[in-house]
Amino acid sequence: ERPTYPEGSAIPRSMTDAERAWVERNPITAPVMRAATSPVGPVECVAEYEPMESIIFAWEGDGSWNTIQRLMIEQITTVGDADVWIVVDSTSERSAVQSTMAASSANTARIKYVVRATDTIWIRDYGPRYIYEGDVRAIVDHTYNRPRPSDNALNGYYGGTTRGQKVYALPLVHGGGNFHLDANDNGHATRLI
């Protein structure tokens, strides 16, 4: 049985022993691309450290992790002058996070919420990877190399349903954070891919 993730658990970014055992029996593979669609026209990969309009968080983990997220969100929405998207598992969790943010120094007008289950906090690894298709934002979505189905399914919902953006499947299994772009058209990846 696939490992489960109790709410409030500090799940590590690496695979747990239970996850490794599950993956040995059930290897993670990229979907077979039958009628694949690809971006049309010039494509620009957004570099990891370019200025961003907003930053996305998954509100997961234990209280100490949530404290760090709150402190980051305070700085991002005020000093950084950017929006924040917070993915919460339920409407009751959204209410609790809204109360936390209202009691903080965050600019709550810059915080948006998405109600969608995630497994872990590591959204930088499984979350949206943006490109520009011409002048239009789109998402390239890889298969997450962890047996975390809610994390892996987030991009289609966030991009397609929440943001109204195209989401292109990339037939690649990897950990997301192991692929970095810079503003000089260079891409770097570890051997983990």
N, C-alpha and C. Protein backbone atom coordinates (compact mmCIF):
# COMPACT_ATOMS: atom_id res chain seq x y z
N GLU A 1 0.85 -1.19 0.00
CA GLU A 1 0.00 0.00 0.00
C GLU A 1 0.89 1.25 0.00
N ARG A 2 0.47 2.23 -0.78
CA ARG A 2 1.22 3.47 -0.89
C ARG A 2 1.28 4.16 0.48
N PRO A 3 2.43 4.69 0.86
CA PRO A 3 2.54 5.40 2.14
C PRO A 3 1.58 6.59 2.19
N THR A 4 1.08 6.88 3.38
CA THR A 4 0.19 8.02 3.57
C THR A 4 0.89 9.08 4.41
N TYR A 5 0.34 10.29 4.41
CA TYR A 5 0.99 11.44 5.03
C TYR A 5 0.00 12.12 5.96
N PRO A 6 0.05 11.81 7.24
CA PRO A 6 -0.87 12.45 8.19
C PRO A 6 -0.67 13.97 8.22
N GLU A 7 -1.74 14.71 8.31
CA GLU A 7 -1.67 16.17 8.37
C GLU A 7 -0.80 16.60 9.55
N GLY A 8 0.05 17.57 9.30
CA GLY A 8 0.92 18.09 10.35
C GLY A 8 2.24 17.34 10.49
N SER A 9 2.44 16.33 9.66
CA SER A 9 3.70 15.58 9.71
C SER A 9 4.78 16.31 8.92
N ALA A 10 5.98 16.25 9.42
CA ALA A 10 7.13 16.86 8.74
C ALA A 10 7.74 15.80 7.83
N ILE A 11 7.19 15.65 6.64
CA ILE A 11 7.67 14.66 5.68
C ILE A 11 8.95 15.21 5.03
N PRO A 12 10.03 14.44 5.02
CA PRO A 12 11.28 14.96 4.45
C PRO A 12 11.19 15.11 2.94
N ARG A 13 12.08 15.93 2.38
CA ARG A 13 12.08 16.08 0.92
C ARG A 13 12.60 14.81 0.26
N SER A 14 13.46 14.07 0.94
CA SER A 14 13.93 12.79 0.41
C SER A 14 12.86 11.73 0.68
N MET A 15 12.98 10.61 0.01
CA MET A 15 12.01 9.54 0.23
C MET A 15 12.20 8.91 1.60
N THR A 16 11.10 8.57 2.22
CA THR A 16 11.14 7.85 3.48
C THR A 16 11.45 6.37 3.17
N ASP A 17 11.78 5.61 4.20
CA ASP A 17 12.02 4.17 4.01
C ASP A 17 10.79 3.49 3.42
N ALA A 18 9.61 3.86 3.90
CA ALA A 18 8.37 3.27 3.37
C ALA A 18 8.18 3.62 1.90
N GLU A 19 8.52 4.85 1.52
CA GLU A 19 8.39 5.25 0.12
C GLU A 19 9.38 4.48 -0.77
N ARG A 20 10.61 4.34 -0.29
CA ARG A 20 11.61 3.59 -1.08
C ARG A 20 11.14 2.15 -1.31
N ALA A 21 10.61 1.53 -0.27
CA ALA A 21 10.11 0.16 -0.40
C ALA A 21 8.95 0.11 -1.39
N TRP A 22 8.05 1.09 -1.35
CA TRP A 22 6.91 1.12 -2.26
C TRP A 22 7.39 1.29 -3.71
N VAL A 23 8.36 2.20 -3.93
CA VAL A 23 8.87 2.46 -5.27
C VAL A 23 9.60 1.24 -5.83
N GLU A 24 10.26 0.45 -4.98
CA GLU A 24 10.90 -0.78 -5.45
C GLU A 24 9.87 -1.73 -6.05
N ARG A 25 8.70 -1.78 -5.44
CA ARG A 25 7.63 -2.65 -5.94
C ARG A 25 6.81 -2.00 -7.05
N ASN A 26 6.79 -0.67 -7.09
CA ASN A 26 5.95 0.09 -8.03
C ASN A 26 6.77 1.24 -8.62
N PRO A 27 7.66 0.96 -9.57
CA PRO A 27 8.51 2.02 -10.11
C PRO A 27 7.69 3.18 -10.67
N ILE A 28 8.19 4.38 -10.44
CA ILE A 28 7.52 5.58 -10.95
C ILE A 28 7.99 5.78 -12.39
N THR A 29 7.04 5.90 -13.29
CA THR A 29 7.37 6.10 -14.70
C THR A 29 6.60 7.31 -15.23
N ALA A 30 7.18 7.93 -16.23
CA ALA A 30 6.50 9.05 -16.89
C ALA A 30 5.37 8.49 -17.74
N PRO A 31 4.30 9.25 -17.90
CA PRO A 31 3.21 8.77 -18.75
C PRO A 31 3.66 8.64 -20.20
N VAL A 32 3.08 7.68 -20.90
CA VAL A 32 3.37 7.51 -22.33
C VAL A 32 2.68 8.65 -23.07
N MET A 33 3.45 9.34 -23.90
CA MET A 33 2.93 10.49 -24.62
C MET A 33 2.40 10.02 -25.97
N ARG A 34 1.08 9.88 -26.08
CA ARG A 34 0.49 9.43 -27.34
C ARG A 34 0.24 10.61 -28.28
N ALA A 35 -0.60 11.51 -27.88
CA ALA A 35 -0.92 12.69 -28.70
C ALA A 35 -0.40 13.91 -27.96
N ALA A 36 0.90 13.96 -27.85
CA ALA A 36 1.52 15.03 -27.07
C ALA A 36 1.34 16.38 -27.74
N THR A 37 1.13 17.36 -26.93
CA THR A 37 1.12 18.73 -27.42
C THR A 37 2.37 19.41 -26.89
N SER A 38 2.88 20.30 -27.68
CA SER A 38 4.09 21.04 -27.32
C SER A 38 3.83 22.51 -27.48
N PRO A 39 4.57 23.34 -26.78
CA PRO A 39 4.43 24.78 -26.97
C PRO A 39 4.72 25.16 -28.42
N VAL A 40 4.04 26.20 -28.89
CA VAL A 40 4.21 26.68 -30.24
C VAL A 40 4.92 28.02 -30.20
N GLY A 41 5.82 28.24 -31.13
CA GLY A 41 6.50 29.53 -31.20
C GLY A 41 7.69 29.59 -30.29
N PRO A 42 8.23 30.77 -30.09
CA PRO A 42 9.41 30.88 -29.23
C PRO A 42 9.05 30.52 -27.78
N VAL A 43 9.93 29.76 -27.14
CA VAL A 43 9.73 29.36 -25.76
C VAL A 43 10.89 29.90 -24.94
N GLU A 44 10.56 30.56 -23.84
CA GLU A 44 11.59 31.03 -22.91
C GLU A 44 11.39 30.33 -21.58
N CYS A 45 12.43 29.67 -21.10
CA CYS A 45 12.38 29.06 -19.77
C CYS A 45 12.71 30.15 -18.76
N VAL A 46 11.86 30.30 -17.77
CA VAL A 46 12.08 31.32 -16.76
C VAL A 46 13.19 30.84 -15.81
N ALA A 47 14.20 31.66 -15.63
CA ALA A 47 15.30 31.30 -14.75
C ALA A 47 14.83 31.29 -13.30
N GLU A 48 15.42 30.44 -12.52
CA GLU A 48 14.97 30.24 -11.14
C GLU A 48 15.01 31.52 -10.31
N TYR A 49 15.98 32.37 -10.54
CA TYR A 49 16.13 33.55 -9.69
C TYR A 49 15.69 34.84 -10.37
N GLU A 50 14.92 34.74 -11.45
CA GLU A 50 14.39 35.96 -12.08
C GLU A 50 13.30 36.54 -11.18
N PRO A 51 13.02 37.83 -11.33
CA PRO A 51 11.92 38.43 -10.56
C PRO A 51 10.62 37.68 -10.86
N MET A 52 9.80 37.53 -9.84
CA MET A 52 8.56 36.80 -9.96
C MET A 52 7.39 37.67 -9.52
N GLU A 53 6.25 37.43 -10.13
CA GLU A 53 5.02 38.12 -9.75
C GLU A 53 4.48 37.57 -8.43
N SER A 54 4.67 36.26 -8.24
CA SER A 54 4.14 35.61 -7.04
C SER A 54 4.95 34.36 -6.72
N ILE A 55 4.76 33.88 -5.51
CA ILE A 55 5.42 32.66 -5.04
C ILE A 55 4.34 31.75 -4.47
N ILE A 56 4.49 30.45 -4.72
CA ILE A 56 3.48 29.48 -4.28
C ILE A 56 4.02 28.65 -3.12
N PHE A 57 3.16 28.42 -2.14
CA PHE A 57 3.49 27.63 -0.96
C PHE A 57 2.47 26.50 -0.81
N ALA A 58 2.91 25.36 -0.27
CA ALA A 58 2.00 24.30 0.17
C ALA A 58 2.02 24.35 1.70
N TRP A 59 0.89 24.59 2.31
CA TRP A 59 0.81 24.73 3.77
C TRP A 59 0.77 23.33 4.38
N GLU A 60 1.95 22.77 4.55
CA GLU A 60 2.09 21.42 5.09
C GLU A 60 3.18 21.43 6.14
N GLY A 61 3.34 20.30 6.80
CA GLY A 61 4.41 20.15 7.78
C GLY A 61 3.95 20.49 9.18
N ASP A 62 4.92 20.50 10.09
CA ASP A 62 4.59 20.77 11.49
C ASP A 62 4.56 22.27 11.77
N GLY A 63 4.27 22.62 13.00
CA GLY A 63 4.12 24.03 13.38
C GLY A 63 5.36 24.87 13.14
N SER A 64 6.55 24.29 13.35
CA SER A 64 7.77 25.07 13.13
C SER A 64 7.94 25.40 11.65
N TRP A 65 7.56 24.47 10.77
CA TRP A 65 7.64 24.75 9.33
C TRP A 65 6.65 25.84 8.95
N ASN A 66 5.44 25.78 9.53
CA ASN A 66 4.44 26.79 9.24
C ASN A 66 4.86 28.16 9.74
N THR A 67 5.60 28.21 10.85
CA THR A 67 6.13 29.48 11.35
C THR A 67 7.12 30.08 10.35
N ILE A 68 7.98 29.23 9.80
CA ILE A 68 8.94 29.71 8.79
C ILE A 68 8.19 30.22 7.56
N GLN A 69 7.15 29.49 7.14
CA GLN A 69 6.37 29.94 6.00
C GLN A 69 5.72 31.30 6.28
N ARG A 70 5.15 31.45 7.47
CA ARG A 70 4.51 32.72 7.83
C ARG A 70 5.52 33.86 7.75
N LEU A 71 6.71 33.65 8.30
CA LEU A 71 7.75 34.69 8.27
C LEU A 71 8.14 35.03 6.83
N MET A 72 8.26 34.02 5.99
CA MET A 72 8.58 34.26 4.58
C MET A 72 7.47 35.05 3.89
N ILE A 73 6.23 34.66 4.13
CA ILE A 73 5.08 35.31 3.50
C ILE A 73 4.98 36.76 3.94
N GLU A 74 5.27 37.03 5.21
CA GLU A 74 5.28 38.42 5.68
C GLU A 74 6.26 39.25 4.85
N GLN A 75 7.45 38.75 4.65
CA GLN A 75 8.48 39.48 3.91
C GLN A 75 8.16 39.58 2.41
N ILE A 76 7.65 38.50 1.84
CA ILE A 76 7.35 38.49 0.41
C ILE A 76 6.26 39.49 0.07
N THR A 77 5.21 39.55 0.91
CA THR A 77 4.07 40.43 0.60
C THR A 77 4.28 41.88 1.00
N THR A 78 5.34 42.16 1.73
CA THR A 78 5.60 43.55 2.14
C THR A 78 6.92 44.03 1.52
N VAL A 79 8.03 43.58 2.01
CA VAL A 79 9.33 44.00 1.50
C VAL A 79 9.50 43.58 0.04
N GLY A 80 9.14 42.35 -0.28
CA GLY A 80 9.27 41.84 -1.64
C GLY A 80 8.23 42.34 -2.60
N ASP A 81 7.12 42.87 -2.07
CA ASP A 81 6.06 43.46 -2.89
C ASP A 81 5.55 42.49 -3.95
N ALA A 82 5.34 41.24 -3.55
CA ALA A 82 4.85 40.22 -4.47
C ALA A 82 3.64 39.52 -3.87
N ASP A 83 2.89 38.84 -4.72
CA ASP A 83 1.76 38.05 -4.28
C ASP A 83 2.24 36.68 -3.80
N VAL A 84 1.40 36.03 -3.01
CA VAL A 84 1.65 34.68 -2.53
C VAL A 84 0.41 33.84 -2.78
N TRP A 85 0.60 32.65 -3.30
CA TRP A 85 -0.46 31.66 -3.43
C TRP A 85 -0.18 30.58 -2.40
N ILE A 86 -1.18 30.29 -1.57
CA ILE A 86 -1.02 29.24 -0.55
C ILE A 86 -1.98 28.11 -0.89
N VAL A 87 -1.43 26.91 -1.08
CA VAL A 87 -2.25 25.73 -1.35
C VAL A 87 -2.56 25.08 0.00
N VAL A 88 -3.85 24.97 0.28
CA VAL A 88 -4.33 24.36 1.53
C VAL A 88 -5.17 23.14 1.19
N ASP A 89 -5.24 22.20 2.12
CA ASP A 89 -5.94 20.94 1.85
C ASP A 89 -7.46 21.03 1.92
N SER A 90 -7.98 22.02 2.65
CA SER A 90 -9.43 22.08 2.85
C SER A 90 -9.86 23.51 3.15
N THR A 91 -11.15 23.74 3.13
CA THR A 91 -11.65 25.08 3.46
C THR A 91 -11.42 25.39 4.94
N SER A 92 -11.46 24.39 5.80
CA SER A 92 -11.19 24.65 7.22
C SER A 92 -9.72 25.01 7.43
N GLU A 93 -8.81 24.37 6.69
CA GLU A 93 -7.40 24.74 6.78
C GLU A 93 -7.21 26.16 6.23
N ARG A 94 -7.93 26.50 5.16
CA ARG A 94 -7.83 27.86 4.63
C ARG A 94 -8.24 28.88 5.69
N SER A 95 -9.31 28.62 6.40
CA SER A 95 -9.76 29.54 7.46
C SER A 95 -8.69 29.70 8.54
N ALA A 96 -8.08 28.59 8.94
CA ALA A 96 -7.03 28.65 9.96
C ALA A 96 -5.82 29.44 9.47
N VAL A 97 -5.42 29.22 8.22
CA VAL A 97 -4.27 29.95 7.68
C VAL A 97 -4.61 31.42 7.50
N GLN A 98 -5.83 31.73 7.08
CA GLN A 98 -6.25 33.13 6.96
C GLN A 98 -6.17 33.84 8.31
N SER A 99 -6.55 33.16 9.37
CA SER A 99 -6.46 33.74 10.71
C SER A 99 -5.00 33.97 11.10
N THR A 100 -4.14 32.99 10.78
CA THR A 100 -2.71 33.14 11.06
C THR A 100 -2.14 34.34 10.32
N MET A 101 -2.49 34.47 9.06
CA MET A 101 -1.96 35.57 8.25
C MET A 101 -2.53 36.92 8.70
N ALA A 102 -3.80 36.95 9.11
CA ALA A 102 -4.41 38.20 9.58
C ALA A 102 -3.74 38.69 10.86
N ALA A 103 -3.24 37.77 11.68
CA ALA A 103 -2.57 38.14 12.93
C ALA A 103 -1.09 38.44 12.72
N SER A 104 -0.62 38.33 11.49
CA SER A 104 0.79 38.57 11.19
C SER A 104 0.95 39.96 10.56
N SER A 105 2.17 40.26 10.16
CA SER A 105 2.41 41.55 9.49
C SER A 105 2.34 41.42 7.97
N ALA A 106 1.85 40.27 7.46
CA ALA A 106 1.72 40.08 6.02
C ALA A 106 0.66 41.01 5.45
N ASN A 107 0.84 41.38 4.20
CA ASN A 107 -0.19 42.13 3.47
C ASN A 107 -1.18 41.11 2.95
N THR A 108 -2.27 40.90 3.66
CA THR A 108 -3.23 39.85 3.33
C THR A 108 -3.93 40.09 2.00
N ALA A 109 -3.92 41.31 1.51
CA ALA A 109 -4.50 41.59 0.19
C ALA A 109 -3.69 40.93 -0.92
N ARG A 110 -2.45 40.57 -0.62
CA ARG A 110 -1.58 39.96 -1.63
C ARG A 110 -1.55 38.43 -1.52
N ILE A 111 -2.38 37.86 -0.65
CA ILE A 111 -2.40 36.40 -0.45
C ILE A 111 -3.64 35.81 -1.10
N LYS A 112 -3.42 34.78 -1.91
CA LYS A 112 -4.50 34.06 -2.58
C LYS A 112 -4.43 32.61 -2.13
N TYR A 113 -5.58 31.95 -2.11
CA TYR A 113 -5.63 30.57 -1.62
C TYR A 113 -6.14 29.63 -2.69
N VAL A 114 -5.59 28.43 -2.70
CA VAL A 114 -6.04 27.35 -3.56
C VAL A 114 -6.36 26.18 -2.66
N VAL A 115 -7.59 25.69 -2.71
CA VAL A 115 -7.98 24.53 -1.92
C VAL A 115 -7.75 23.29 -2.78
N ARG A 116 -6.70 22.57 -2.45
CA ARG A 116 -6.33 21.36 -3.19
C ARG A 116 -5.37 20.56 -2.32
N ALA A 117 -5.62 19.29 -2.15
CA ALA A 117 -4.77 18.47 -1.28
C ALA A 117 -3.36 18.36 -1.84
N THR A 118 -2.39 18.48 -0.96
CA THR A 118 -0.99 18.18 -1.26
C THR A 118 -0.51 17.20 -0.20
N ASP A 119 0.59 16.52 -0.51
CA ASP A 119 1.14 15.56 0.44
C ASP A 119 2.20 16.20 1.32
N THR A 120 3.01 17.09 0.74
CA THR A 120 4.16 17.62 1.45
C THR A 120 4.38 19.10 1.15
N ILE A 121 5.25 19.69 1.90
CA ILE A 121 5.60 21.10 1.78
C ILE A 121 6.51 21.40 0.58
N TRP A 122 7.11 20.41 -0.05
CA TRP A 122 8.21 20.59 -1.01
C TRP A 122 7.74 21.02 -2.39
N ILE A 123 6.90 22.03 -2.45
CA ILE A 123 6.28 22.48 -3.70
C ILE A 123 7.30 23.00 -4.71
N ARG A 124 8.46 23.44 -4.26
CA ARG A 124 9.50 23.89 -5.21
C ARG A 124 9.97 22.73 -6.07
N ASP A 125 9.85 21.51 -5.56
CA ASP A 125 10.28 20.34 -6.32
C ASP A 125 9.18 19.81 -7.24
N TYR A 126 7.93 19.79 -6.79
CA TYR A 126 6.87 19.21 -7.61
C TYR A 126 5.95 20.25 -8.24
N GLY A 127 6.07 21.48 -7.83
CA GLY A 127 5.16 22.52 -8.28
C GLY A 127 5.42 22.99 -9.69
N PRO A 128 4.71 24.04 -10.10
CA PRO A 128 4.78 24.48 -11.49
C PRO A 128 6.16 24.99 -11.90
N ARG A 129 6.56 24.61 -13.08
CA ARG A 129 7.79 25.12 -13.71
C ARG A 129 7.31 25.95 -14.90
N TYR A 130 7.51 27.25 -14.79
CA TYR A 130 6.97 28.16 -15.80
C TYR A 130 7.87 28.35 -17.00
N ILE A 131 7.21 28.54 -18.13
CA ILE A 131 7.84 28.98 -19.37
C ILE A 131 7.01 30.13 -19.91
N TYR A 132 7.56 30.84 -20.87
CA TYR A 132 6.77 31.76 -21.68
C TYR A 132 6.67 31.14 -23.06
N GLU A 133 5.45 31.01 -23.52
CA GLU A 133 5.16 30.57 -24.88
C GLU A 133 4.82 31.84 -25.64
N GLY A 134 5.84 32.41 -26.33
CA GLY A 134 5.69 33.77 -26.84
C GLY A 134 5.65 34.69 -25.64
N ASP A 135 4.56 35.43 -25.48
CA ASP A 135 4.40 36.33 -24.33
C ASP A 135 3.43 35.79 -23.29
N VAL A 136 3.05 34.53 -23.40
CA VAL A 136 2.03 33.95 -22.54
C VAL A 136 2.66 32.92 -21.60
N ARG A 137 2.30 32.99 -20.33
CA ARG A 137 2.81 32.01 -19.37
C ARG A 137 2.16 30.66 -19.57
N ALA A 138 2.97 29.62 -19.40
CA ALA A 138 2.48 28.24 -19.44
C ALA A 138 3.34 27.44 -18.47
N ILE A 139 2.87 26.25 -18.16
CA ILE A 139 3.57 25.38 -17.21
C ILE A 139 4.03 24.12 -17.93
N VAL A 140 5.26 23.70 -17.64
CA VAL A 140 5.77 22.41 -18.08
C VAL A 140 5.77 21.52 -16.84
N ASP A 141 5.09 20.38 -16.92
CA ASP A 141 4.89 19.52 -15.76
C ASP A 141 5.58 18.18 -15.95
N HIS A 142 6.51 17.87 -15.05
CA HIS A 142 7.19 16.57 -15.06
C HIS A 142 6.50 15.64 -14.06
N THR A 143 6.83 14.37 -14.11
CA THR A 143 6.35 13.41 -13.12
C THR A 143 7.28 13.47 -11.92
N TYR A 144 6.71 13.72 -10.75
CA TYR A 144 7.49 13.83 -9.52
C TYR A 144 8.06 12.47 -9.15
N ASN A 145 9.33 12.43 -8.78
CA ASN A 145 9.99 11.15 -8.50
C ASN A 145 9.79 10.67 -7.06
N ARG A 146 8.66 10.96 -6.51
CA ARG A 146 8.27 10.48 -5.19
C ARG A 146 6.86 9.89 -5.30
N PRO A 147 6.53 8.89 -4.49
CA PRO A 147 5.17 8.33 -4.54
C PRO A 147 4.21 9.19 -3.73
N ARG A 148 4.03 10.42 -4.19
CA ARG A 148 3.19 11.41 -3.52
C ARG A 148 2.17 11.93 -4.53
N PRO A 149 1.06 11.20 -4.68
CA PRO A 149 0.13 11.48 -5.78
C PRO A 149 -0.52 12.87 -5.73
N SER A 150 -0.83 13.37 -4.57
CA SER A 150 -1.44 14.70 -4.50
C SER A 150 -0.44 15.78 -4.92
N ASP A 151 0.82 15.61 -4.53
CA ASP A 151 1.85 16.55 -4.96
C ASP A 151 1.99 16.50 -6.48
N ASN A 152 2.06 15.30 -7.04
CA ASN A 152 2.27 15.15 -8.47
C ASN A 152 1.10 15.70 -9.29
N ALA A 153 -0.11 15.66 -8.75
CA ALA A 153 -1.30 16.09 -9.49
C ALA A 153 -1.57 17.60 -9.39
N LEU A 154 -0.82 18.31 -8.58
CA LEU A 154 -1.13 19.72 -8.33
C LEU A 154 -1.06 20.59 -9.57
N ASN A 155 -0.06 20.43 -10.42
CA ASN A 155 0.17 21.37 -11.51
C ASN A 155 -0.98 21.48 -12.50
N GLY A 156 -1.57 20.35 -12.85
CA GLY A 156 -2.70 20.38 -13.77
C GLY A 156 -3.86 21.19 -13.21
N TYR A 157 -4.12 21.02 -11.92
CA TYR A 157 -5.21 21.77 -11.29
C TYR A 157 -4.84 23.24 -11.13
N TYR A 158 -3.67 23.50 -10.59
CA TYR A 158 -3.26 24.89 -10.34
C TYR A 158 -3.16 25.68 -11.65
N GLY A 159 -2.47 25.11 -12.63
CA GLY A 159 -2.31 25.82 -13.90
C GLY A 159 -3.58 25.87 -14.71
N GLY A 160 -4.17 24.71 -14.94
CA GLY A 160 -5.34 24.63 -15.81
C GLY A 160 -6.62 25.17 -15.20
N THR A 161 -6.91 24.79 -13.97
CA THR A 161 -8.17 25.17 -13.34
C THR A 161 -8.09 26.52 -12.63
N THR A 162 -7.06 26.71 -11.81
CA THR A 162 -6.98 27.93 -11.00
C THR A 162 -6.51 29.13 -11.81
N ARG A 163 -5.46 28.95 -12.60
CA ARG A 163 -4.85 30.09 -13.30
C ARG A 163 -5.27 30.20 -14.77
N GLY A 164 -5.91 29.19 -15.33
CA GLY A 164 -6.31 29.24 -16.73
C GLY A 164 -5.13 29.24 -17.68
N GLN A 165 -4.06 28.54 -17.32
CA GLN A 165 -2.84 28.50 -18.13
C GLN A 165 -2.69 27.12 -18.75
N LYS A 166 -2.02 27.07 -19.90
CA LYS A 166 -1.74 25.78 -20.51
C LYS A 166 -0.74 25.03 -19.64
N VAL A 167 -0.92 23.72 -19.57
CA VAL A 167 0.00 22.86 -18.84
C VAL A 167 0.46 21.78 -19.81
N TYR A 168 1.76 21.76 -20.08
CA TYR A 168 2.34 20.79 -21.00
C TYR A 168 3.02 19.69 -20.20
N ALA A 169 2.68 18.44 -20.54
CA ALA A 169 3.32 17.29 -19.88
C ALA A 169 4.70 17.08 -20.47
N LEU A 170 5.65 16.84 -19.60
CA LEU A 170 7.02 16.54 -19.99
C LEU A 170 7.29 15.10 -19.59
N PRO A 171 7.61 14.21 -20.53
CA PRO A 171 7.79 12.80 -20.19
C PRO A 171 9.12 12.54 -19.48
N LEU A 172 9.25 13.11 -18.30
CA LEU A 172 10.48 13.02 -17.53
C LEU A 172 10.12 12.83 -16.07
N VAL A 173 10.79 11.91 -15.39
CA VAL A 173 10.61 11.68 -13.97
C VAL A 173 11.80 12.31 -13.25
N HIS A 174 11.53 13.28 -12.39
CA HIS A 174 12.64 13.86 -11.62
C HIS A 174 12.11 14.62 -10.41
N GLY A 175 13.05 15.13 -9.63
CA GLY A 175 12.71 15.79 -8.37
C GLY A 175 12.53 17.28 -8.46
N GLY A 176 12.46 17.84 -9.67
CA GLY A 176 12.15 19.26 -9.83
C GLY A 176 13.26 20.19 -9.43
N GLY A 177 13.66 20.16 -8.18
CA GLY A 177 14.69 21.06 -7.70
C GLY A 177 16.07 20.73 -8.24
N ASN A 178 16.18 19.64 -8.97
CA ASN A 178 17.47 19.25 -9.53
C ASN A 178 17.69 19.79 -10.93
N PHE A 179 16.82 20.68 -11.39
CA PHE A 179 16.96 21.30 -12.69
C PHE A 179 16.90 22.80 -12.48
N HIS A 180 17.97 23.50 -12.80
CA HIS A 180 18.04 24.94 -12.58
C HIS A 180 18.39 25.65 -13.88
N LEU A 181 17.73 26.76 -14.09
CA LEU A 181 17.97 27.60 -15.25
C LEU A 181 18.52 28.93 -14.79
N ASP A 182 19.29 29.57 -15.67
CA ASP A 182 19.71 30.93 -15.37
C ASP A 182 19.29 31.84 -16.53
N ALA A 183 19.51 33.12 -16.38
CA ALA A 183 19.07 34.09 -17.38
C ALA A 183 19.97 34.12 -18.61
N ASN A 184 20.99 33.29 -18.66
CA ASN A 184 21.91 33.24 -19.79
C ASN A 184 21.68 32.01 -20.67
N ASP A 185 20.48 31.46 -20.60
CA ASP A 185 20.09 30.30 -21.42
C ASP A 185 20.85 29.04 -21.06
N ASN A 186 21.30 28.90 -19.82
CA ASN A 186 21.97 27.69 -19.37
C ASN A 186 21.03 26.88 -18.49
N GLY A 187 21.06 25.59 -18.64
CA GLY A 187 20.31 24.70 -17.78
C GLY A 187 21.27 23.75 -17.10
N HIS A 188 21.02 23.45 -15.84
CA HIS A 188 21.88 22.57 -15.07
C HIS A 188 21.01 21.52 -14.37
N ALA A 189 21.47 20.28 -14.41
CA ALA A 189 20.72 19.20 -13.77
C ALA A 189 21.71 18.23 -13.13
N THR A 190 21.25 17.58 -12.08
CA THR A 190 22.08 16.56 -11.46
C THR A 190 21.82 15.22 -12.14
N ARG A 191 22.57 14.22 -11.77
CA ARG A 191 22.39 12.90 -12.35
C ARG A 191 21.17 12.18 -11.81
N LEU A 192 20.47 12.80 -10.89
CA LEU A 192 19.26 12.19 -10.32
C LEU A 192 18.17 12.03 -11.38
N ILE A 193 18.17 12.90 -12.38
CA ILE A 193 17.13 12.83 -13.42
C ILE A 193 17.33 11.56 -14.23
